[in-house]
Structures are given as structure tokens and as C-alpha cells.
Amino acid sequence: MIVDLSQLPEKVRHTLDEMYKLDWEIKRAKAIQEEKCLAKFWHANRPRSSDGIGEQTMCVHPFVDAAWRRARGPDVWADKDFREWFLRNSPESRVRATGTKTMVGYQRPRTLVKKY
């Protein structure tokens, strides 16, 4: 939806602009705080890899996702270099997944050591 603000007085347009910027900054700060909470959750509860899908490598807040899609295009997460850069600069988004199955009773094979 496109709204024509040119008919409004300049003071009203300026006030609306400031309100929009303040609202965006509040949402951004809230998203950063929620990402830190998500990082704590994923650190305590490691997800398992899914057969056929693979491991989960990152968890991105929807606000951050929308901002990057708006800035870089809809297929921003398909770029491997961008994902590596994002994880390097935003380590709280990294998720370390565990294997698909829990192995019970596994023992390392013993290696024979001969002493002469």
C-alpha cells in the first residue's frame, strides 16, 4: 500500500518519519535481545540433524531475516559467502547440531601396543 504524504504539512511528515524511525529502532533492539535468548536456548538444547535435510546451522530472528531480504534480495541466504560472513559477524545466530542417532554401548577399538 502506497500512501501519499506530500499533501501533509512538513511538520507532520517530519513527525511521522521520526515515529517510524523510532519504531524501527525499538524493533531492531528487541530482535537483537531475542536473538541472544535464542542463542542461549540452542546452546542448552542442541537440535538433532534430520535425515534428508541435514543439520541446522543458524537461527535468524524474523526481523533480521526481513531486513536482510529487503536489503539484499529474496535469495540472500542462498549465498554461501554471505552466510559465512553473517555467522562471523553475528555468532549468536550459530547453532551446533548433534547427530541423528544416539549411540549406546559404543567403544573405541583397542589398539595393540607392543613394548620391546
Protein backbone atom coordinates (compact mmCIF):
# COMPACT_ATOMS: atom_id res chain seq x y z
CA MET A 1 0.00 0.00 0.00
CA ILE A 2 1.41 3.37 -1.03
CA VAL A 3 0.40 6.45 0.93
CA ASP A 4 0.95 9.92 -0.49
CA LEU A 5 2.33 12.09 2.30
CA SER A 6 3.09 15.09 0.10
CA GLN A 7 -0.27 16.70 0.93
CA LEU A 8 0.52 16.75 4.67
CA PRO A 9 2.28 19.70 6.30
CA GLU A 10 6.05 19.37 6.60
CA LYS A 11 5.96 19.26 10.40
CA VAL A 12 3.53 16.31 10.34
CA ARG A 13 5.65 14.49 7.75
CA HIS A 14 8.76 15.03 9.87
CA THR A 15 6.95 13.75 12.99
CA LEU A 16 5.72 10.64 11.14
CA ASP A 17 9.23 9.99 9.87
CA GLU A 18 10.69 10.25 13.38
CA MET A 19 8.00 7.93 14.76
CA TYR A 20 8.72 5.37 12.05
CA LYS A 21 12.48 5.51 12.70
CA LEU A 22 11.96 5.19 16.46
CA ASP A 23 9.60 2.22 15.98
CA TRP A 24 12.15 0.54 13.69
CA GLU A 25 14.96 1.08 16.22
CA ILE A 26 12.82 -0.38 19.02
CA LYS A 27 12.02 -3.45 16.92
CA ARG A 28 15.68 -3.83 15.99
CA ALA A 29 16.81 -3.68 19.63
CA LYS A 30 14.12 -6.18 20.62
CA ALA A 31 15.22 -8.54 17.82
CA ILE A 32 18.85 -8.39 18.99
CA GLN A 33 17.76 -9.19 22.56
CA GLU A 34 15.57 -12.08 21.39
CA GLU A 35 18.43 -13.48 19.27
CA LYS A 36 20.59 -13.61 22.40
CA CYS A 37 17.82 -15.53 24.19
CA LEU A 38 17.56 -17.90 21.23
CA ALA A 39 21.32 -18.44 21.34
CA LYS A 40 21.07 -19.47 25.00
CA PHE A 41 18.22 -21.83 24.18
CA TRP A 42 20.01 -23.52 21.26
CA HIS A 43 23.19 -23.83 23.31
CA ALA A 44 21.31 -25.68 26.06
CA ASN A 45 19.07 -27.70 23.68
CA ARG A 46 21.11 -28.78 20.70
CA PRO A 47 18.90 -29.76 17.75
CA ARG A 48 19.37 -33.10 16.02
CA SER A 49 20.16 -33.39 12.35
CA SER A 50 17.24 -34.54 10.22
CA ASP A 51 17.59 -37.38 7.73
CA GLY A 52 17.42 -35.97 4.22
CA ILE A 53 17.55 -32.34 5.40
CA GLY A 54 20.85 -32.12 7.25
CA GLU A 55 21.94 -30.14 10.25
CA GLN A 56 20.65 -26.79 11.39
CA THR A 57 23.49 -24.29 11.19
CA MET A 58 21.85 -20.98 12.14
CA CYS A 59 18.77 -19.47 13.72
CA VAL A 60 17.86 -15.98 12.50
CA HIS A 61 15.19 -13.74 14.03
CA PRO A 62 12.35 -12.93 11.57
CA PHE A 63 13.02 -9.18 11.86
CA VAL A 64 16.69 -9.69 10.92
CA ASP A 65 15.68 -12.01 8.09
CA ALA A 66 13.20 -9.47 6.70
CA ALA A 67 15.75 -6.65 6.94
CA TRP A 68 18.41 -8.61 5.04
CA ARG A 69 15.90 -9.80 2.41
CA ARG A 70 14.80 -6.19 1.91
CA ALA A 71 18.41 -5.01 1.60
CA ARG A 72 19.97 -7.83 -0.45
CA GLY A 73 17.08 -9.57 -2.20
CA PRO A 74 14.89 -12.61 -1.53
CA ASP A 75 17.63 -15.22 -2.09
CA VAL A 76 20.16 -13.65 0.28
CA TRP A 77 20.51 -16.84 2.39
CA ALA A 78 21.33 -18.95 -0.67
CA ASP A 79 24.72 -17.21 -0.93
CA LYS A 80 27.29 -19.28 0.98
CA ASP A 81 29.73 -16.37 1.33
CA PHE A 82 27.02 -14.17 2.83
CA ARG A 83 26.03 -16.89 5.34
CA GLU A 84 29.69 -17.31 6.39
CA TRP A 85 30.06 -13.53 6.75
CA PHE A 86 26.81 -13.32 8.74
CA LEU A 87 27.86 -16.08 11.15
CA ARG A 88 31.29 -14.49 11.58
CA ASN A 89 29.73 -11.11 12.47
CA SER A 90 26.73 -12.49 14.36
CA PRO A 91 27.94 -15.55 16.28
CA GLU A 92 24.80 -15.68 18.43
CA SER A 93 22.94 -16.95 15.34
CA ARG A 94 25.16 -20.03 15.03
CA VAL A 95 23.56 -23.35 16.01
CA ARG A 96 25.58 -26.51 16.51
CA ALA A 97 23.50 -29.59 15.76
CA THR A 98 24.21 -33.08 17.03
CA GLY A 99 23.98 -36.36 15.15
CA THR A 100 20.79 -38.10 14.08
CA LYS A 101 21.03 -41.07 16.41
CA THR A 102 22.32 -41.61 19.91
CA MET A 103 24.91 -44.35 20.01
CA VAL A 104 24.72 -46.56 23.10
CA GLY A 105 27.43 -49.01 24.04
CA TYR A 106 29.97 -47.83 21.50
CA GLN A 107 33.59 -48.44 22.47
CA ARG A 108 36.67 -47.41 20.62
CA PRO A 109 38.54 -50.34 19.15
CA ARG A 110 41.64 -51.10 21.17
CA THR A 111 44.96 -50.69 19.51
CA LEU A 112 47.66 -53.13 20.38
CA VAL A 113 50.86 -51.64 21.61
CA LYS A 114 53.91 -53.86 21.82
CA LYS A 115 56.62 -52.88 24.17
CA TYR A 116 60.09 -54.28 23.49
